[in-house]
Amino acid sequence: MTTVVLVRHGLTHLTGPVLAGWTPGLHLDERGQKQAVAVAERLRPLPFDAVVSSPLDRCLDTAAAVLEGRAQELQIDERLGECRYGDWTGKPLKELAKDPLWKVVQAHPSAVVFPGPEGEALRDTQARAVSAVRDWNARLGPDATWLACSHGDVIKAVVADAMGLHLDQFQRISIDPCSVTVIRYSELRPFVVRVNDTGGGVADLLPPKKGRRRKASSDAVVGGGSGAAV
């Protein structure tokens, strides 16, 4: 079996409030750098046959932390890059939630094509990301363990494919910054071993303190959100 370790990039100053997309020059902030170092230490025992990253800076920063002290060179695959959100890129999520397209993103993502000349269909994002994973699996062989550093919606789409879920169900999956998701690909089927594993304690599961309780939302966070931000 080929084992793929999918790691989402760490936090940036835009992660959570803004849909960053393909915003250039967006590096990890101090919190994200700490997350990247922590996940690199967690993964230190694993001998990776390759470390492959989205070309975006926040992923390159995260992958570089994982590669610290390892012999491999970083491989870049544009197919692991973030969904191209088109005209939504760089806009606050609170503003986007008022757009009629938001409801389609939530309920029928397979029908979504993001607006503008650079906008991409979510189904195309999934197709290219799954193709990238499958191609690297074939290149590295059935005994390989390799790491792919990518983005929240992209990893969610890969997990949905591995689980045999329609893309319209992928919003049920959460992928936090610097979380670890593991899929093993056999000849007959993928096996999803871990999803959104952030390690550590359970502080993110505690109920909010009195006075901070807010009405729960059923909406998934487009782009992945900031998780339990440190």
Foldseek 3Di string as FASTA:
>chain_A
DEKEKEWEFFAFPQFAFAAAAQPAPTAHDPLRLVLLLVLLVVCVVDDAPAEEEAPHHRLVSSSVSNCVPPDDDYHYDNLQEGAQQAPRHGGTVVVVCPDPCQVCCFQPLQPDFHDHPRTGRLVSSLVSLLVVVVVVPVVSDQVGYHYYYHWFSSVLSNVCVQVVHDNSPSLVAAAAHRFIWMWHQDPVGIDTDDGNHSDDDCVLVDDDDPPPDDDDDPGRDPRRGHRPGD
